[in-house]
Amino acid sequence: MLFTDHAKAYRAAILRFAPDREPRHSAIFEEDGLLVVGPNANSVQVVQAVGPYHDLKDKFPGVVIQHLPGRIIAPGFVDMHIHYAQTNVIGSPAEGLLPWLENYTFPEEKRFESPEYSAQEASFFIAELLRNGVTTALAFATSHTESVHALFTEALHQRMRLITGLCLMDRNAPAGVLNRAAPVGASKGGFDATEQSLLDTETLIQKWHGKGRLGYAITPRFAPSCSDAQLRGAGELAAQYPDVWIQSHVAENKDEIKWARELFPASTSYLATYADFGLMRQRAIYAHCIHFDDDDRALMRASGAAAAVSPTSNLFLGSGFFDYTGADRVGFQYGLASDVGGGTSFSPFHTMLGAYYVGREGQTKAGLSLSPQHLWWQHTAGAAQALGLDSQKGGPAVGNLLPGCEADFVVLNPQATPLLARRTERAASLDELLFAMIVLGDDRLIEKTVISQTV
């Protein structure tokens, strides 16, 4: 059923993805297209129709059509892993992951115990995502409840689809970034840091999950930062609240893997540690997943968990290369992520280009050439699918521009810079056009970001 009241229409070139095609060849591109958005039965702005302009232009009488000549409308980008508390340490030099955490990340994250600082950073962070065309994000907050409240509050204000949660870490980090115990007298005897972190997690789930376009993620930082009791409690909460997400890190760095294996010797692998505590299932997202064997890949596939591939971070920290050929051979879900601040840019174009480098340099001797369509799919429809947001149990999907999808999209100007204009106007195919924008694009390519609204 079409609801033409409050509907809007946009005429431009339109990029979307066919869900029944192989990702490397899934793009649908209308050089002269029409996108019609309007409220569904729940008053949420969704795509009502999309296709060639000449086929649709007379089907929506009374709906004003905004003509955007020379522009491309594309799905809003989906970022599967990003740290909002690390915005200010992006581009900090370090020898590797663990020194980078100790010297830069943890000192910055201590500051998020302040509600005012958290709110200030959340406002900049959300604005920067939207400026770069990211309309859905799975983000890490810190171990301070103040940071979670601030990020959810700003995302709700901006109507952004955002998933985050309290960072669980009760050991192996400086005191200022570990979970805090309840003060004695706050309850009968108070609670230790582990108990309090789990109580706080449940309170935050009940307050924020499903409010507006927000979702909660149970968030063990990574297994070495969590005690057995904390991981066990996180798994129990995941079983109690099956609709929430789980997010963590795994197999990013060989030193980290060695450390995790020493701390959890009963588990068959670093990844299996999470499974042993009930933290592997659909809507479980693990960042990096670099140093896997086929047993790990099979566990990802069997559990329904997905990998957040973070190429600029992995290249920057020298962590290694995500194995695309191994992931596709065994078969588990993945999508792209910026991983700011280990990642070096909020821009999805930089992330897609980083993934291209990883595919070329980190796979077979001949190199894996990821197609431009596949790269773009990994940061939109593919990432949404990996997050379980391609259907939302019958609700609107994100990451695509098919009828029924939430109306999150970007307006691209392929002439945003002189070099970009020179290259895109010479593109002889869709792949050439998409690849030129991936290689040469940045925030200037995003002319406008449009977020689905409730009428």
Protein backbone atom coordinates (compact mmCIF):
# COMPACT_ATOMS: atom_id res chain seq x y z
CA MET A 1 0.00 0.00 0.00
CA LEU A 2 1.35 3.43 -0.94
CA PHE A 3 0.97 6.40 1.38
CA THR A 4 1.38 9.49 -0.78
CA ASP A 5 0.85 12.01 2.04
CA HIS A 6 4.27 13.35 3.06
CA ALA A 7 5.88 11.46 0.17
CA LYS A 8 8.92 12.90 -1.58
CA ALA A 9 10.49 12.01 -4.90
CA TYR A 10 14.04 12.45 -6.19
CA ARG A 11 15.18 12.23 -9.78
CA ALA A 12 18.84 11.34 -10.27
CA ALA A 13 21.04 8.42 -11.15
CA ILE A 14 20.29 5.70 -8.58
CA LEU A 15 22.46 2.88 -7.22
CA ARG A 16 20.97 -0.09 -5.39
CA PHE A 17 21.67 -3.82 -4.96
CA ALA A 18 19.70 -6.88 -6.04
CA PRO A 19 19.38 -9.23 -3.04
CA ASP A 20 19.22 -12.35 -5.23
CA ARG A 21 22.50 -11.74 -7.08
CA GLU A 22 26.06 -12.64 -6.25
CA PRO A 23 27.55 -9.57 -4.48
CA ARG A 24 30.28 -9.02 -7.07
CA HIS A 25 27.63 -8.39 -9.71
CA SER A 26 24.67 -7.21 -7.66
CA ALA A 27 24.52 -3.50 -8.43
CA ILE A 28 21.54 -2.02 -10.25
CA PHE A 29 22.15 1.41 -11.71
CA GLU A 30 19.58 3.71 -13.24
CA GLU A 31 21.21 6.55 -15.14
CA ASP A 32 17.90 8.44 -14.99
CA GLY A 33 16.03 7.08 -12.01
CA LEU A 34 13.28 8.05 -9.60
CA LEU A 35 13.28 7.37 -5.87
CA VAL A 36 9.99 7.86 -4.03
CA VAL A 37 10.04 7.85 -0.23
CA GLY A 38 7.22 8.24 2.22
CA PRO A 39 5.70 6.91 5.43
CA ASN A 40 4.68 3.29 5.81
CA ALA A 41 1.81 2.09 8.00
CA ASN A 42 3.98 2.75 11.08
CA SER A 43 4.74 6.32 9.93
CA VAL A 44 8.39 5.49 9.22
CA GLN A 45 9.86 6.95 6.04
CA VAL A 46 10.68 4.10 3.66
CA VAL A 47 11.33 3.61 -0.03
CA GLN A 48 7.95 3.37 -1.72
CA ALA A 49 9.18 2.98 -5.27
CA VAL A 50 12.44 3.05 -7.20
CA GLY A 51 13.24 2.54 -10.84
CA PRO A 52 13.56 4.26 -14.21
CA TYR A 53 12.17 7.79 -14.21
CA HIS A 54 10.11 7.29 -17.37
CA ASP A 55 8.38 4.25 -15.80
CA LEU A 56 7.44 5.95 -12.52
CA LYS A 57 7.05 9.67 -13.22
CA ASP A 58 3.27 9.53 -13.75
CA LYS A 59 2.43 7.11 -10.94
CA PHE A 60 2.63 9.58 -8.07
CA PRO A 61 0.41 12.55 -8.94
CA GLY A 62 0.80 15.44 -6.58
CA VAL A 63 4.21 14.35 -5.32
CA VAL A 64 6.80 17.01 -6.03
CA ILE A 65 9.88 15.64 -7.77
CA GLN A 66 13.23 17.13 -6.82
CA HIS A 67 15.54 16.93 -9.83
CA LEU A 68 19.23 16.39 -9.05
CA PRO A 69 21.01 16.44 -12.43
CA GLY A 70 24.50 15.01 -12.43
CA ARG A 71 24.02 13.46 -8.98
CA ILE A 72 23.90 9.83 -7.82
CA ILE A 73 21.61 8.63 -5.04
CA ALA A 74 23.01 5.60 -3.21
CA PRO A 75 22.22 3.74 0.01
CA GLY A 76 23.58 5.24 3.20
CA PHE A 77 26.73 3.49 4.32
CA VAL A 78 26.76 0.96 7.17
CA ASP A 79 29.83 0.94 9.45
CA MET A 80 30.10 -2.35 11.32
CA HIS A 81 32.77 -1.37 13.85
CA ILE A 82 33.90 2.02 15.11
CA HIS A 83 35.02 3.49 18.47
CA TYR A 84 33.44 6.83 19.20
CA ALA A 85 35.77 7.39 22.14
CA GLN A 86 38.82 7.10 19.89
CA THR A 87 38.03 9.98 17.55
CA ASN A 88 40.70 12.15 19.15
CA VAL A 89 43.50 9.56 18.88
CA ILE A 90 43.09 8.85 15.17
CA GLY A 91 46.45 9.02 13.44
CA SER A 92 48.53 8.40 16.58
CA PRO A 93 51.83 6.59 15.90
CA ALA A 94 52.48 3.27 17.62
CA GLU A 95 54.45 0.06 17.16
CA GLY A 96 51.33 -2.09 17.17
CA LEU A 97 47.94 -2.73 18.72
CA LEU A 98 48.84 -3.25 22.38
CA PRO A 99 51.23 -0.26 22.65
CA TRP A 100 48.68 1.87 20.81
CA LEU A 101 46.02 0.98 23.39
CA GLU A 102 48.32 1.67 26.32
CA ASN A 103 49.81 4.93 25.07
CA TYR A 104 46.85 6.59 23.38
CA THR A 105 43.51 4.83 23.63
CA PHE A 106 43.23 4.13 27.34
CA PRO A 107 44.34 7.64 28.44
CA GLU A 108 41.70 9.17 26.13
CA GLU A 109 38.94 6.79 27.21
CA LYS A 110 39.44 7.75 30.86
CA ARG A 111 37.98 11.15 30.00
CA PHE A 112 34.58 9.64 29.21
CA GLU A 113 33.64 9.30 32.86
CA SER A 114 32.60 12.94 32.44
CA PRO A 115 29.03 13.33 31.13
CA GLU A 116 29.90 16.69 29.61
CA TYR A 117 32.93 15.37 27.76
CA SER A 118 30.99 12.33 26.56
CA ALA A 119 28.19 14.51 25.22
CA GLN A 120 30.63 16.83 23.45
CA GLU A 121 32.40 13.91 21.79
CA ALA A 122 29.15 12.14 20.88
CA SER A 123 27.91 15.25 19.09
CA PHE A 124 31.08 15.54 17.00
CA PHE A 125 31.20 11.79 16.34
CA ILE A 126 27.63 11.53 15.01
CA ALA A 127 28.08 14.67 12.92
CA GLU A 128 31.26 13.24 11.40
CA LEU A 129 29.55 9.94 10.54
CA LEU A 130 26.68 11.72 8.82
CA ARG A 131 29.04 14.11 7.02
CA ASN A 132 30.74 11.05 5.55
CA GLY A 133 27.48 9.39 4.51
CA VAL A 134 27.31 6.76 7.29
CA THR A 135 23.68 6.30 8.32
CA THR A 136 23.96 3.10 10.39
CA ALA A 137 26.79 2.23 12.77
CA LEU A 138 27.75 -0.38 15.33
CA ALA A 139 29.94 1.55 17.75
CA PHE A 140 32.00 0.96 20.86
CA ALA A 141 31.47 3.30 23.79
CA THR A 142 33.69 3.06 26.89
CA SER A 143 33.39 1.31 30.24
CA HIS A 144 31.59 4.36 31.63
CA THR A 145 27.79 4.44 31.55
CA GLU A 146 28.04 8.18 30.90
CA SER A 147 29.55 7.48 27.49
CA VAL A 148 26.72 5.15 26.52
CA HIS A 149 23.95 7.51 27.57
CA ALA A 150 25.61 10.38 25.69
CA LEU A 151 25.99 8.46 22.44
CA PHE A 152 22.47 7.06 22.48
CA THR A 153 21.05 10.50 23.32
CA GLU A 154 22.76 12.16 20.36
CA ALA A 155 21.89 9.36 17.94
CA LEU A 156 18.25 9.54 19.03
CA HIS A 157 18.27 13.28 18.47
CA GLN A 158 19.67 12.82 14.96
CA ARG A 159 17.30 9.91 14.15
CA MET A 160 20.30 7.76 13.28
CA ARG A 161 20.22 3.97 13.41
CA LEU A 162 22.98 3.28 15.91
CA ILE A 163 23.94 0.28 18.03
CA THR A 164 26.29 0.57 21.01
CA GLY A 165 26.81 -0.66 24.56
CA LEU A 166 28.82 -0.44 27.75
CA CYS A 167 32.36 -1.72 27.25
CA LEU A 168 32.92 -4.70 29.53
CA MET A 169 36.46 -4.87 30.92
CA ASP A 170 37.15 -5.84 34.50
CA ARG A 171 40.87 -6.71 34.27
CA ASN A 172 44.15 -6.12 32.42
CA ALA A 173 43.72 -2.39 31.86
CA PRO A 174 44.38 0.83 33.80
CA ALA A 175 41.98 1.60 36.64
CA GLY A 176 40.41 4.58 34.90
CA VAL A 177 39.09 2.48 32.02
CA LEU A 178 38.04 -0.62 33.93
CA ASN A 179 34.42 -1.08 34.92
CA ARG A 180 33.66 0.62 38.22
CA ALA A 181 32.31 -1.00 41.35
CA ALA A 182 29.19 0.42 42.97
CA PRO A 183 30.03 2.61 45.95
CA VAL A 184 29.49 0.95 49.30
CA GLY A 185 26.13 2.10 50.52
CA ALA A 186 24.67 2.42 47.01
CA SER A 187 23.07 -0.94 47.71
CA LYS A 188 23.37 -3.49 50.46
CA GLY A 189 27.11 -3.86 50.64
CA GLY A 190 27.59 -2.55 47.11
CA PHE A 191 28.61 -4.62 44.07
CA ASP A 192 32.06 -5.38 42.75
CA ALA A 193 33.06 -4.13 39.31
CA THR A 194 32.11 -7.32 37.50
CA GLU A 195 28.65 -7.55 39.04
CA GLN A 196 28.04 -3.85 38.54
CA SER A 197 29.05 -3.97 34.87
CA LEU A 198 26.46 -6.68 34.22
CA LEU A 199 23.77 -4.84 36.19
CA ASP A 200 24.56 -1.66 34.28
CA THR A 201 24.39 -3.56 30.98
CA GLU A 202 20.91 -4.86 31.73
CA THR A 203 19.72 -1.44 32.86
CA LEU A 204 21.01 0.10 29.63
CA ILE A 205 19.35 -2.61 27.53
CA GLN A 206 16.03 -1.91 29.16
CA LYS A 207 16.39 1.85 28.74
CA TRP A 208 17.72 2.10 25.18
CA HIS A 209 17.25 -1.07 23.11
CA GLY A 210 14.51 -0.54 20.54
CA LYS A 211 14.02 3.12 21.41
CA GLY A 212 13.65 5.02 18.17
CA ARG A 213 16.17 3.46 15.79
CA LEU A 214 18.59 2.43 18.52
CA GLY A 215 19.90 -1.01 19.40
CA TYR A 216 21.96 -2.33 22.26
CA ALA A 217 25.14 -4.39 21.92
CA ILE A 218 26.57 -6.47 24.75
CA THR A 219 30.21 -5.41 24.47
CA PRO A 220 33.11 -7.37 25.96
CA ARG A 221 36.07 -5.30 24.80
CA PHE A 222 38.05 -8.44 24.03
CA ALA A 223 38.46 -11.66 25.93
CA PRO A 224 41.76 -10.72 27.66
CA SER A 225 40.11 -7.69 29.25
CA CYS A 226 37.29 -9.76 30.79
CA SER A 227 37.26 -12.26 33.62
CA ASP A 228 35.55 -15.61 33.27
CA ALA A 229 32.74 -14.32 35.47
CA GLN A 230 32.19 -11.27 33.31
CA LEU A 231 32.15 -13.26 30.05
CA ARG A 232 29.80 -15.80 31.64
CA GLY A 233 27.46 -13.03 32.74
CA ALA A 234 27.58 -11.45 29.28
CA GLY A 235 26.61 -14.78 27.74
CA GLU A 236 23.70 -15.12 30.15
CA LEU A 237 22.45 -11.65 29.21
CA ALA A 238 22.79 -12.55 25.52
CA ALA A 239 20.58 -15.59 26.10
CA GLN A 240 18.07 -13.53 28.08
CA TYR A 241 17.90 -10.80 25.42
CA PRO A 242 18.22 -12.57 22.04
CA ASP A 243 17.31 -9.45 20.03
CA VAL A 244 20.30 -7.42 21.19
CA TRP A 245 23.66 -7.49 19.46
CA ILE A 246 27.02 -8.72 20.71
CA GLN A 247 30.26 -7.04 19.67
CA SER A 248 33.90 -7.65 20.45
CA HIS A 249 37.36 -8.08 18.90
CA VAL A 250 39.11 -11.29 17.93
CA ALA A 251 42.28 -12.51 16.21
CA GLU A 252 43.50 -9.03 15.27
CA ASN A 253 47.11 -9.38 16.36
CA LYS A 254 49.38 -12.35 17.00
CA ASP A 255 50.52 -11.06 20.39
CA GLU A 256 46.89 -10.61 21.39
CA ILE A 257 46.09 -14.19 20.29
CA LYS A 258 48.99 -15.57 22.33
CA TRP A 259 47.78 -13.64 25.36
CA ALA A 260 44.18 -14.85 24.96
CA ARG A 261 45.30 -18.47 24.63
CA GLU A 262 47.31 -18.17 27.86
CA LEU A 263 44.32 -16.72 29.71
CA PHE A 264 41.78 -19.24 28.36
CA PRO A 265 43.73 -22.47 27.80
CA ALA A 266 40.62 -24.67 27.95
CA SER A 267 39.22 -23.11 24.76
CA THR A 268 40.28 -24.61 21.45
CA SER A 269 41.00 -21.18 19.95
CA TYR A 270 40.73 -17.49 20.73
CA LEU A 271 37.44 -17.32 18.84
CA ALA A 272 36.15 -20.44 20.57
CA THR A 273 36.54 -18.64 23.90
CA TYR A 274 33.53 -16.51 23.00
CA ALA A 275 31.52 -19.57 21.99
CA ASP A 276 32.39 -21.25 25.30
CA PHE A 277 30.72 -18.36 27.11
CA GLY A 278 27.60 -18.23 24.91
CA LEU A 279 28.65 -15.21 22.86
CA MET A 280 28.54 -16.66 19.34
CA ARG A 281 25.22 -16.34 17.52
CA GLN A 282 23.40 -14.27 14.93
CA ARG A 283 23.83 -10.56 15.64
CA ALA A 284 27.27 -11.28 17.12
CA ILE A 285 29.86 -9.12 15.36
CA TYR A 286 33.57 -9.72 15.77
CA ALA A 287 36.00 -7.09 14.54
CA HIS A 288 39.07 -8.10 12.51
CA CYS A 289 38.99 -11.94 12.35
CA ILE A 290 42.35 -11.91 10.61
CA HIS A 291 44.31 -14.87 11.96
CA PHE A 292 41.72 -17.63 11.51
CA ASP A 293 41.97 -21.25 10.52
CA ASP A 294 39.17 -23.25 8.93
CA ASP A 295 37.85 -24.36 12.33
CA ASP A 296 37.36 -20.73 13.28
CA ARG A 297 35.70 -19.99 9.95
CA ALA A 298 33.38 -22.97 10.40
CA LEU A 299 32.44 -21.71 13.87
CA MET A 300 31.58 -18.30 12.43
CA ARG A 301 29.42 -19.94 9.77
CA ALA A 302 27.67 -22.38 12.12
CA SER A 303 26.91 -19.76 14.77
CA GLY A 304 25.70 -17.06 12.39
CA ALA A 305 28.26 -14.57 13.71
CA ALA A 306 29.79 -12.06 11.31
CA ALA A 307 33.14 -10.34 10.83
CA ALA A 308 33.64 -6.59 10.76
CA VAL A 309 36.51 -6.18 8.29
CA SER A 310 38.62 -3.15 9.21
CA PRO A 311 41.24 -2.70 6.48
CA THR A 312 42.60 0.78 7.22
CA SER A 313 43.09 -0.13 10.88
CA ASN A 314 44.76 -3.44 10.04
CA LEU A 315 47.10 -1.76 7.58
CA PHE A 316 47.86 1.11 9.95
CA LEU A 317 48.67 -1.12 12.94
CA GLY A 318 50.38 -3.80 10.86
CA SER A 319 47.96 -6.45 12.13
CA GLY A 320 47.58 -8.47 8.94
CA PHE A 321 45.12 -9.08 6.12
CA PHE A 322 41.55 -10.34 6.32
CA ASP A 323 41.36 -13.57 4.31
CA TYR A 324 38.53 -12.98 1.85
CA THR A 325 39.19 -16.19 -0.04
CA GLY A 326 39.07 -18.23 3.16
CA ALA A 327 35.88 -16.52 4.32
CA ASP A 328 34.13 -17.17 1.02
CA ARG A 329 35.42 -20.73 0.74
CA VAL A 330 34.08 -21.78 4.14
CA GLY A 331 31.22 -19.33 4.02
CA PHE A 332 30.53 -16.80 6.75
CA GLN A 333 29.18 -13.26 6.72
CA TYR A 334 31.28 -10.10 6.76
CA GLY A 335 31.07 -6.41 6.01
CA LEU A 336 33.25 -3.32 6.14
CA ALA A 337 34.14 -1.12 9.09
CA SER A 338 36.23 1.99 9.61
CA ASP A 339 37.48 1.06 13.12
CA VAL A 340 38.24 4.68 13.94
CA GLY A 341 40.55 5.48 15.73
CA GLY A 342 42.83 2.56 14.78
CA GLY A 343 41.29 3.06 11.38
CA THR A 344 42.53 6.15 9.63
CA SER A 345 39.36 7.72 8.24
CA PHE A 346 35.62 8.07 8.76
CA SER A 347 35.25 7.99 4.97
CA PRO A 348 33.68 4.83 3.52
CA PHE A 349 35.62 5.50 0.32
CA HIS A 350 38.92 5.21 2.18
CA THR A 351 37.69 2.02 3.85
CA MET A 352 36.64 0.48 0.53
CA LEU A 353 39.99 1.40 -1.01
CA GLY A 354 41.76 -0.17 1.97
CA ALA A 355 39.77 -3.36 1.41
CA TYR A 356 40.87 -3.34 -2.21
CA TYR A 357 44.51 -3.11 -1.13
CA VAL A 358 43.99 -6.00 1.31
CA GLY A 359 42.42 -8.11 -1.42
CA ARG A 360 45.26 -7.38 -3.83
CA GLU A 361 48.14 -7.86 -1.41
CA GLY A 362 46.98 -10.25 1.24
CA GLN A 363 45.44 -13.18 -0.57
CA THR A 364 46.89 -15.45 -3.23
CA LYS A 365 50.14 -14.89 -5.09
CA ALA A 366 48.18 -13.52 -7.99
CA GLY A 367 46.15 -11.28 -5.68
CA LEU A 368 42.39 -11.14 -5.22
CA SER A 369 40.78 -8.28 -7.08
CA LEU A 370 37.61 -7.29 -5.26
CA SER A 371 35.15 -5.87 -7.75
CA PRO A 372 33.92 -2.29 -7.18
CA GLN A 373 30.37 -3.59 -6.81
CA HIS A 374 31.48 -6.06 -4.14
CA LEU A 375 33.40 -3.38 -2.25
CA TRP A 376 30.38 -1.05 -2.27
CA TRP A 377 28.04 -3.93 -1.28
CA GLN A 378 30.29 -4.75 1.70
CA HIS A 379 29.74 -1.25 3.09
CA THR A 380 25.97 -1.09 2.46
CA ALA A 381 23.66 -4.04 1.81
CA GLY A 382 26.24 -6.66 2.79
CA ALA A 383 27.05 -4.96 6.09
CA ALA A 384 23.34 -4.60 6.86
CA GLN A 385 22.85 -8.29 6.13
CA ALA A 386 25.74 -9.22 8.43
CA LEU A 387 24.19 -7.10 11.18
CA GLY A 388 20.81 -8.76 10.73
CA LEU A 389 19.33 -5.49 9.51
CA ASP A 390 18.38 -6.67 6.05
CA SER A 391 14.91 -7.70 7.25
CA GLN A 392 14.68 -6.90 10.97
CA LYS A 393 12.19 -9.73 11.50
CA GLY A 394 9.80 -8.32 8.95
CA GLY A 395 10.53 -4.66 9.63
CA PRO A 396 12.19 -2.19 7.27
CA ALA A 397 15.70 -3.00 6.10
CA VAL A 398 18.70 -0.69 5.84
CA GLY A 399 21.70 -0.52 3.54
CA ASN A 400 19.73 -0.65 0.30
CA LEU A 401 17.18 1.27 -1.74
CA LEU A 402 14.55 -1.38 -2.42
CA PRO A 403 10.84 -0.85 -1.73
CA GLY A 404 10.26 -1.10 2.01
CA CYS A 405 13.81 -0.16 3.01
CA GLU A 406 14.24 2.68 5.48
CA ALA A 407 14.88 5.87 3.55
CA ASP A 408 18.54 6.39 4.47
CA PHE A 409 20.55 7.55 1.48
CA VAL A 410 23.34 9.78 0.27
CA VAL A 411 23.45 12.19 -2.63
CA LEU A 412 26.82 11.90 -4.37
CA ASN A 413 28.42 14.52 -6.57
CA PRO A 414 30.86 12.70 -8.86
CA GLN A 415 32.22 16.09 -9.93
CA ALA A 416 33.08 17.16 -6.39
CA THR A 417 36.78 17.64 -7.18
CA PRO A 418 38.50 18.45 -10.49
CA LEU A 419 40.30 15.10 -10.70
CA LEU A 420 37.19 13.14 -9.70
CA ALA A 421 35.12 14.98 -12.30
CA ARG A 422 37.74 14.35 -14.96
CA ARG A 423 37.85 10.61 -14.20
CA THR A 424 34.14 9.91 -13.67
CA GLU A 425 33.06 11.63 -16.86
CA ARG A 426 35.34 9.22 -18.74
CA ALA A 427 33.98 6.11 -17.02
CA ALA A 428 32.93 3.58 -19.67
CA SER A 429 31.08 1.20 -17.33
CA LEU A 430 29.43 1.06 -13.92
CA ASP A 431 32.48 -0.65 -12.43
CA GLU A 432 34.74 2.12 -13.72
CA LEU A 433 32.44 4.76 -12.25
CA LEU A 434 32.20 3.08 -8.85
CA PHE A 435 35.92 2.39 -8.71
CA ALA A 436 36.82 5.98 -9.61
CA MET A 437 34.71 7.18 -6.67
CA ILE A 438 36.26 4.58 -4.34
CA VAL A 439 39.81 5.53 -5.29
CA LEU A 440 39.38 9.31 -5.52
CA GLY A 441 36.45 9.94 -3.19
CA ASP A 442 36.31 11.39 0.31
CA ASP A 443 33.84 13.44 2.34
CA ARG A 444 33.60 16.00 -0.48
CA LEU A 445 31.87 13.38 -2.63
CA ILE A 446 28.97 13.29 -0.11
CA GLU A 447 26.80 16.23 -1.07
CA LYS A 448 23.96 15.34 1.29
CA THR A 449 23.06 12.62 3.78
CA VAL A 450 19.35 11.90 4.25
CA ILE A 451 18.10 10.03 7.32
CA SER A 452 14.76 8.22 7.54
CA GLN A 453 12.33 10.20 9.62
CA THR A 454 9.17 9.36 11.53
CA VAL A 455 6.22 11.42 10.28
